[in-house]
Amino acid sequence: MVLMDRQLESLQARIQKIKEEIAILGELRPGSLSRQYNVCGNPDCRCKAKPPKKHGPYYQLSFTWQGRSKSQFVRTEDLPDVKKQLRNYKRLRELVDTWIGLGMELSRLRLEQDRSRRLHDEKTQRELQFSEERNV
């Protein structure tokens, strides 16, 4: 029982640390960032030269939100902020996955602890009943 109590406390402490880390993450943004180069429709443009000198780079954010795929262009000056938001979102997903795993283990241990207590209580009841029957 003492070992199980320590395990429960350890899991609860780890979950609390995850909650604290989530609380300070900052702005979040799902998706992935890509760098693209484009060719325009002007036949005399440098992008039609041999070798071509394409326009760009352009940065595009692609993501799925609420079951819908979306993409947005990102300005070069916004790249540092967007990259940080992407890292924060990735960290959030990692933390949530860890939290879920710890929560499942915590739940399993609590069920096991409850089952052990019930069995212990039932055994104690039987022993008391047997003792009373012998004394009669």
N, C-alpha and C. Protein backbone atom coordinates (compact mmCIF):
# COMPACT_ATOMS: atom_id res chain seq x y z
N MET A 1 0.82 -1.21 0.00
CA MET A 1 0.00 0.00 0.00
C MET A 1 0.86 1.27 0.00
N VAL A 2 1.93 1.27 0.76
CA VAL A 2 2.79 2.46 0.84
C VAL A 2 3.44 2.73 -0.50
N LEU A 3 3.91 1.68 -1.16
CA LEU A 3 4.52 1.83 -2.49
C LEU A 3 3.51 2.40 -3.48
N MET A 4 2.29 1.89 -3.44
CA MET A 4 1.26 2.37 -4.34
C MET A 4 0.93 3.85 -4.05
N ASP A 5 0.90 4.22 -2.79
CA ASP A 5 0.65 5.63 -2.43
C ASP A 5 1.75 6.53 -2.98
N ARG A 6 2.98 6.05 -2.90
CA ARG A 6 4.11 6.83 -3.44
C ARG A 6 3.99 6.98 -4.96
N GLN A 7 3.60 5.89 -5.61
CA GLN A 7 3.42 5.94 -7.07
C GLN A 7 2.32 6.94 -7.44
N LEU A 8 1.22 6.91 -6.69
CA LEU A 8 0.12 7.84 -6.95
C LEU A 8 0.58 9.29 -6.76
N GLU A 9 1.30 9.54 -5.69
CA GLU A 9 1.81 10.90 -5.43
C GLU A 9 2.76 11.35 -6.53
N SER A 10 3.63 10.45 -6.97
CA SER A 10 4.59 10.78 -8.03
C SER A 10 3.85 11.13 -9.33
N LEU A 11 2.86 10.33 -9.69
CA LEU A 11 2.10 10.60 -10.90
C LEU A 11 1.36 11.93 -10.79
N GLN A 12 0.76 12.20 -9.66
CA GLN A 12 0.04 13.46 -9.46
C GLN A 12 0.98 14.65 -9.55
N ALA A 13 2.19 14.50 -9.00
CA ALA A 13 3.18 15.59 -9.07
C ALA A 13 3.62 15.83 -10.51
N ARG A 14 3.82 14.76 -11.27
CA ARG A 14 4.22 14.91 -12.67
C ARG A 14 3.12 15.58 -13.49
N ILE A 15 1.88 15.21 -13.23
CA ILE A 15 0.74 15.83 -13.93
C ILE A 15 0.66 17.31 -13.57
N GLN A 16 0.89 17.65 -12.31
CA GLN A 16 0.85 19.06 -11.89
C GLN A 16 1.93 19.87 -12.61
N LYS A 17 3.13 19.29 -12.77
CA LYS A 17 4.20 19.99 -13.49
C LYS A 17 3.81 20.23 -14.95
N ILE A 18 3.15 19.25 -15.55
CA ILE A 18 2.69 19.41 -16.93
C ILE A 18 1.69 20.54 -17.02
N LYS A 19 0.75 20.60 -16.10
CA LYS A 19 -0.25 21.67 -16.10
C LYS A 19 0.42 23.04 -15.98
N GLU A 20 1.43 23.13 -15.14
CA GLU A 20 2.14 24.40 -14.96
C GLU A 20 2.88 24.79 -16.23
N GLU A 21 3.49 23.82 -16.90
CA GLU A 21 4.21 24.11 -18.14
C GLU A 21 3.24 24.54 -19.24
N ILE A 22 2.08 23.91 -19.30
CA ILE A 22 1.08 24.28 -20.30
C ILE A 22 0.63 25.73 -20.07
N ALA A 23 0.47 26.10 -18.80
CA ALA A 23 -0.05 27.42 -18.47
C ALA A 23 0.87 28.55 -18.93
N ILE A 24 2.15 28.27 -19.12
CA ILE A 24 3.08 29.34 -19.49
C ILE A 24 3.56 29.24 -20.95
N LEU A 25 2.94 28.39 -21.73
CA LEU A 25 3.41 28.19 -23.11
C LEU A 25 3.37 29.45 -23.97
N GLY A 26 2.34 30.21 -23.87
CA GLY A 26 2.21 31.37 -24.74
C GLY A 26 1.34 31.07 -25.95
N GLU A 27 1.48 31.88 -26.98
CA GLU A 27 0.62 31.75 -28.16
C GLU A 27 0.89 30.44 -28.89
N LEU A 28 -0.20 29.87 -29.43
CA LEU A 28 -0.13 28.57 -30.10
C LEU A 28 -0.60 28.69 -31.54
N ARG A 29 -0.02 27.84 -32.38
CA ARG A 29 -0.46 27.78 -33.77
C ARG A 29 -0.15 26.39 -34.30
N PRO A 30 -1.18 25.67 -34.77
CA PRO A 30 -0.92 24.35 -35.35
C PRO A 30 -0.44 24.49 -36.79
N GLY A 31 0.21 23.47 -37.29
CA GLY A 31 0.54 23.45 -38.71
C GLY A 31 2.00 23.26 -38.98
N SER A 32 2.31 23.38 -40.27
CA SER A 32 3.70 23.29 -40.70
C SER A 32 3.98 24.42 -41.68
N LEU A 33 5.20 24.85 -41.64
CA LEU A 33 5.64 26.00 -42.43
C LEU A 33 6.47 25.50 -43.60
N SER A 34 6.19 26.06 -44.79
CA SER A 34 6.99 25.68 -45.96
C SER A 34 7.48 26.95 -46.67
N ARG A 35 8.61 26.79 -47.33
CA ARG A 35 9.18 27.89 -48.12
C ARG A 35 8.93 27.54 -49.58
N GLN A 36 8.39 28.50 -50.32
CA GLN A 36 8.03 28.24 -51.71
C GLN A 36 8.61 29.31 -52.63
N TYR A 37 8.84 28.90 -53.87
CA TYR A 37 9.29 29.80 -54.93
C TYR A 37 8.30 29.64 -56.07
N ASN A 38 7.92 30.75 -56.68
CA ASN A 38 6.88 30.71 -57.71
C ASN A 38 7.40 31.19 -59.06
N VAL A 39 6.66 30.78 -60.09
CA VAL A 39 6.90 31.24 -61.46
C VAL A 39 5.66 32.03 -61.86
N CYS A 40 5.86 33.21 -62.43
CA CYS A 40 4.71 34.05 -62.80
C CYS A 40 4.30 33.80 -64.27
N GLY A 41 3.33 34.53 -64.73
CA GLY A 41 2.81 34.34 -66.08
C GLY A 41 3.46 35.25 -67.13
N ASN A 42 4.37 36.13 -66.72
CA ASN A 42 5.03 37.05 -67.65
C ASN A 42 6.12 36.31 -68.44
N PRO A 43 5.97 36.21 -69.76
CA PRO A 43 6.95 35.43 -70.55
C PRO A 43 8.35 36.05 -70.57
N ASP A 44 8.47 37.33 -70.29
CA ASP A 44 9.78 37.98 -70.32
C ASP A 44 10.42 38.08 -68.93
N CYS A 45 9.83 37.48 -67.94
CA CYS A 45 10.31 37.60 -66.55
C CYS A 45 11.54 36.73 -66.32
N ARG A 46 12.30 37.08 -65.30
CA ARG A 46 13.51 36.34 -64.92
C ARG A 46 13.20 34.91 -64.51
N CYS A 47 11.95 34.67 -64.10
CA CYS A 47 11.58 33.32 -63.66
C CYS A 47 11.44 32.35 -64.85
N LYS A 48 11.48 32.90 -66.07
CA LYS A 48 11.42 32.06 -67.27
C LYS A 48 12.80 31.85 -67.90
N ALA A 49 13.81 32.46 -67.29
CA ALA A 49 15.18 32.37 -67.84
C ALA A 49 15.72 30.95 -67.72
N LYS A 50 16.84 30.72 -68.35
CA LYS A 50 17.53 29.43 -68.28
C LYS A 50 18.87 29.67 -67.60
N PRO A 51 19.14 29.25 -66.42
CA PRO A 51 18.21 28.61 -65.47
C PRO A 51 17.25 29.65 -64.88
N PRO A 52 16.08 29.19 -64.46
CA PRO A 52 15.08 30.13 -63.95
C PRO A 52 15.49 30.73 -62.60
N LYS A 53 15.13 31.98 -62.40
CA LYS A 53 15.33 32.67 -61.12
C LYS A 53 13.93 32.96 -60.58
N LYS A 54 13.40 31.98 -59.85
CA LYS A 54 12.02 32.05 -59.39
C LYS A 54 11.81 33.15 -58.36
N HIS A 55 10.55 33.58 -58.25
CA HIS A 55 10.15 34.59 -57.27
C HIS A 55 10.06 33.95 -55.89
N GLY A 56 10.53 34.65 -54.91
CA GLY A 56 10.41 34.12 -53.55
C GLY A 56 11.66 34.37 -52.76
N PRO A 57 11.80 33.82 -51.63
CA PRO A 57 10.91 32.80 -51.09
C PRO A 57 9.63 33.41 -50.49
N TYR A 58 8.57 32.60 -50.54
CA TYR A 58 7.31 32.90 -49.87
C TYR A 58 7.10 31.82 -48.83
N TYR A 59 6.55 32.20 -47.71
CA TYR A 59 6.33 31.24 -46.63
C TYR A 59 4.84 30.97 -46.48
N GLN A 60 4.52 29.71 -46.37
CA GLN A 60 3.12 29.33 -46.27
C GLN A 60 2.94 28.40 -45.08
N LEU A 61 1.89 28.67 -44.31
CA LEU A 61 1.52 27.84 -43.17
C LEU A 61 0.34 26.97 -43.57
N SER A 62 0.48 25.66 -43.43
CA SER A 62 -0.61 24.73 -43.75
C SER A 62 -1.02 24.03 -42.46
N PHE A 63 -2.34 23.92 -42.25
CA PHE A 63 -2.82 23.28 -41.04
C PHE A 63 -4.25 22.79 -41.24
N THR A 64 -4.65 21.90 -40.35
CA THR A 64 -6.03 21.43 -40.32
C THR A 64 -6.62 21.87 -38.99
N TRP A 65 -7.75 22.52 -39.05
CA TRP A 65 -8.41 23.01 -37.85
C TRP A 65 -9.90 22.70 -37.96
N GLN A 66 -10.42 22.02 -36.97
CA GLN A 66 -11.82 21.62 -36.92
C GLN A 66 -12.22 20.86 -38.19
N GLY A 67 -11.34 19.95 -38.61
CA GLY A 67 -11.62 19.09 -39.74
C GLY A 67 -11.45 19.73 -41.11
N ARG A 68 -10.98 20.95 -41.16
CA ARG A 68 -10.81 21.64 -42.45
C ARG A 68 -9.35 22.01 -42.67
N SER A 69 -8.86 21.70 -43.85
CA SER A 69 -7.50 22.07 -44.22
C SER A 69 -7.46 23.53 -44.66
N LYS A 70 -6.44 24.21 -44.19
CA LYS A 70 -6.30 25.63 -44.52
C LYS A 70 -4.83 25.94 -44.76
N SER A 71 -4.59 27.05 -45.45
CA SER A 71 -3.22 27.54 -45.59
C SER A 71 -3.25 29.06 -45.59
N GLN A 72 -2.16 29.61 -45.09
CA GLN A 72 -2.03 31.07 -45.00
C GLN A 72 -0.60 31.44 -45.38
N PHE A 73 -0.47 32.55 -46.08
CA PHE A 73 0.86 33.06 -46.35
C PHE A 73 1.34 33.80 -45.11
N VAL A 74 2.64 33.71 -44.86
CA VAL A 74 3.25 34.34 -43.69
C VAL A 74 4.28 35.34 -44.19
N ARG A 75 4.20 36.54 -43.71
CA ARG A 75 5.18 37.56 -44.08
C ARG A 75 6.53 37.24 -43.45
N THR A 76 7.58 37.59 -44.14
CA THR A 76 8.94 37.31 -43.66
C THR A 76 9.17 37.89 -42.27
N GLU A 77 8.67 39.09 -42.03
CA GLU A 77 8.88 39.73 -40.72
C GLU A 77 8.10 39.03 -39.60
N ASP A 78 7.09 38.23 -39.96
CA ASP A 78 6.31 37.50 -38.95
C ASP A 78 6.86 36.10 -38.67
N LEU A 79 7.86 35.67 -39.44
CA LEU A 79 8.39 34.31 -39.31
C LEU A 79 8.84 33.95 -37.88
N PRO A 80 9.60 34.79 -37.19
CA PRO A 80 10.03 34.40 -35.83
C PRO A 80 8.85 34.13 -34.89
N ASP A 81 7.83 34.97 -34.94
CA ASP A 81 6.66 34.77 -34.08
C ASP A 81 5.91 33.50 -34.46
N VAL A 82 5.71 33.28 -35.75
CA VAL A 82 4.98 32.10 -36.21
C VAL A 82 5.75 30.83 -35.84
N LYS A 83 7.06 30.83 -36.01
CA LYS A 83 7.87 29.66 -35.66
C LYS A 83 7.76 29.36 -34.16
N LYS A 84 7.77 30.40 -33.35
CA LYS A 84 7.63 30.20 -31.90
C LYS A 84 6.25 29.63 -31.57
N GLN A 85 5.21 30.13 -32.21
CA GLN A 85 3.85 29.62 -31.98
C GLN A 85 3.75 28.16 -32.39
N LEU A 86 4.39 27.79 -33.49
CA LEU A 86 4.41 26.40 -33.94
C LEU A 86 5.13 25.50 -32.93
N ARG A 87 6.28 25.98 -32.41
CA ARG A 87 7.00 25.21 -31.39
C ARG A 87 6.15 25.05 -30.13
N ASN A 88 5.46 26.13 -29.72
CA ASN A 88 4.60 26.06 -28.54
C ASN A 88 3.48 25.05 -28.73
N TYR A 89 2.90 25.03 -29.93
CA TYR A 89 1.82 24.08 -30.20
C TYR A 89 2.35 22.65 -30.16
N LYS A 90 3.50 22.43 -30.76
CA LYS A 90 4.10 21.10 -30.76
C LYS A 90 4.38 20.65 -29.32
N ARG A 91 4.88 21.55 -28.51
CA ARG A 91 5.15 21.24 -27.10
C ARG A 91 3.85 20.94 -26.36
N LEU A 92 2.80 21.70 -26.65
CA LEU A 92 1.50 21.44 -26.04
C LEU A 92 1.04 20.03 -26.34
N ARG A 93 1.14 19.62 -27.60
CA ARG A 93 0.71 18.27 -27.99
C ARG A 93 1.52 17.21 -27.24
N GLU A 94 2.84 17.43 -27.12
CA GLU A 94 3.69 16.49 -26.39
C GLU A 94 3.26 16.41 -24.92
N LEU A 95 3.03 17.57 -24.32
CA LEU A 95 2.63 17.60 -22.91
C LEU A 95 1.27 16.93 -22.70
N VAL A 96 0.32 17.20 -23.58
CA VAL A 96 -1.00 16.59 -23.46
C VAL A 96 -0.90 15.07 -23.62
N ASP A 97 -0.12 14.60 -24.57
CA ASP A 97 0.05 13.16 -24.75
C ASP A 97 0.66 12.52 -23.49
N THR A 98 1.66 13.18 -22.91
CA THR A 98 2.27 12.68 -21.68
C THR A 98 1.26 12.68 -20.54
N TRP A 99 0.48 13.76 -20.44
CA TRP A 99 -0.54 13.89 -19.41
C TRP A 99 -1.55 12.75 -19.53
N ILE A 100 -1.98 12.45 -20.74
CA ILE A 100 -2.95 11.37 -20.96
C ILE A 100 -2.35 10.03 -20.51
N GLY A 101 -1.10 9.78 -20.88
CA GLY A 101 -0.45 8.53 -20.46
C GLY A 101 -0.35 8.42 -18.95
N LEU A 102 0.06 9.51 -18.30
CA LEU A 102 0.15 9.51 -16.84
C LEU A 102 -1.23 9.37 -16.21
N GLY A 103 -2.23 10.01 -16.81
CA GLY A 103 -3.59 9.91 -16.30
C GLY A 103 -4.13 8.49 -16.38
N MET A 104 -3.82 7.79 -17.45
CA MET A 104 -4.26 6.40 -17.58
C MET A 104 -3.59 5.53 -16.51
N GLU A 105 -2.30 5.76 -16.28
CA GLU A 105 -1.59 5.00 -15.25
C GLU A 105 -2.13 5.33 -13.86
N LEU A 106 -2.41 6.60 -13.62
CA LEU A 106 -2.99 7.03 -12.34
C LEU A 106 -4.35 6.36 -12.12
N SER A 107 -5.16 6.34 -13.13
CA SER A 107 -6.48 5.71 -13.04
C SER A 107 -6.35 4.21 -12.75
N ARG A 108 -5.42 3.56 -13.45
CA ARG A 108 -5.21 2.12 -13.23
C ARG A 108 -4.79 1.84 -11.80
N LEU A 109 -3.86 2.65 -11.28
CA LEU A 109 -3.39 2.45 -9.91
C LEU A 109 -4.50 2.70 -8.89
N ARG A 110 -5.31 3.73 -9.13
CA ARG A 110 -6.41 4.01 -8.20
C ARG A 110 -7.43 2.87 -8.18
N LEU A 111 -7.73 2.34 -9.35
CA LEU A 111 -8.65 1.19 -9.41
C LEU A 111 -8.07 0.00 -8.66
N GLU A 112 -6.78 -0.23 -8.86
CA GLU A 112 -6.11 -1.33 -8.18
C GLU A 112 -6.12 -1.11 -6.67
N GLN A 113 -5.88 0.13 -6.26
CA GLN A 113 -5.89 0.47 -4.83
C GLN A 113 -7.29 0.26 -4.23
N ASP A 114 -8.31 0.71 -4.94
CA ASP A 114 -9.69 0.51 -4.47
C ASP A 114 -10.02 -0.97 -4.35
N ARG A 115 -9.60 -1.75 -5.34
CA ARG A 115 -9.87 -3.19 -5.33
C ARG A 115 -9.16 -3.84 -4.14
N SER A 116 -7.92 -3.44 -3.86
CA SER A 116 -7.17 -3.99 -2.72
C SER A 116 -7.86 -3.64 -1.41
N ARG A 117 -8.33 -2.41 -1.30
CA ARG A 117 -9.03 -2.00 -0.06
C ARG A 117 -10.32 -2.79 0.12
N ARG A 118 -11.07 -2.98 -0.95
CA ARG A 118 -12.31 -3.76 -0.85
C ARG A 118 -12.02 -5.17 -0.41
N LEU A 119 -11.00 -5.80 -1.02
CA LEU A 119 -10.65 -7.16 -0.65
C LEU A 119 -10.20 -7.24 0.80
N HIS A 120 -9.43 -6.24 1.23
CA HIS A 120 -8.96 -6.18 2.62
C HIS A 120 -10.15 -6.03 3.56
N ASP A 121 -11.08 -5.14 3.22
CA ASP A 121 -12.27 -4.94 4.05
C ASP A 121 -13.14 -6.19 4.11
N GLU A 122 -13.28 -6.86 2.97
CA GLU A 122 -14.08 -8.10 2.95
C GLU A 122 -13.42 -9.18 3.80
N LYS A 123 -12.11 -9.28 3.73
CA LYS A 123 -11.38 -10.27 4.52
C LYS A 123 -11.55 -9.97 6.01
N THR A 124 -11.43 -8.69 6.35
CA THR A 124 -11.60 -8.29 7.75
C THR A 124 -13.00 -8.62 8.24
N GLN A 125 -14.00 -8.38 7.42
CA GLN A 125 -15.39 -8.69 7.79
C GLN A 125 -15.57 -10.19 8.02
N ARG A 126 -15.00 -11.00 7.13
CA ARG A 126 -15.11 -12.46 7.28
C ARG A 126 -14.43 -12.93 8.56
N GLU A 127 -13.26 -12.35 8.85
CA GLU A 127 -12.54 -12.72 10.06
C GLU A 127 -13.33 -12.35 11.31
N LEU A 128 -13.95 -11.17 11.31
CA LEU A 128 -14.78 -10.75 12.45
C LEU A 128 -15.99 -11.67 12.60
N GLN A 129 -16.60 -12.00 11.49
CA GLN A 129 -17.76 -12.87 11.51
C GLN A 129 -17.37 -14.25 12.05
N PHE A 130 -16.26 -14.77 11.59
CA PHE A 130 -15.79 -16.08 12.04
C PHE A 130 -15.48 -16.04 13.53
N SER A 131 -14.84 -14.95 13.97
CA SER A 131 -14.49 -14.80 15.39
C SER A 131 -15.75 -14.74 16.25
N GLU A 132 -16.76 -14.01 15.81
CA GLU A 132 -18.02 -13.92 16.56
C GLU A 132 -18.72 -15.28 16.63
N GLU A 133 -18.67 -16.04 15.56
CA GLU A 133 -19.31 -17.35 15.52
C GLU A 133 -18.63 -18.32 16.47
N ARG A 134 -17.32 -18.20 16.61
CA ARG A 134 -16.57 -19.08 17.52
C ARG A 134 -16.84 -18.74 18.97
N ASN A 135 -17.11 -17.46 19.24
CA ASN A 135 -17.35 -17.01 20.62
C ASN A 135 -18.76 -17.29 21.09
N VAL A 136 -19.65 -17.65 20.23
CA VAL A 136 -21.05 -17.90 20.60
C VAL A 136 -21.23 -19.26 21.16
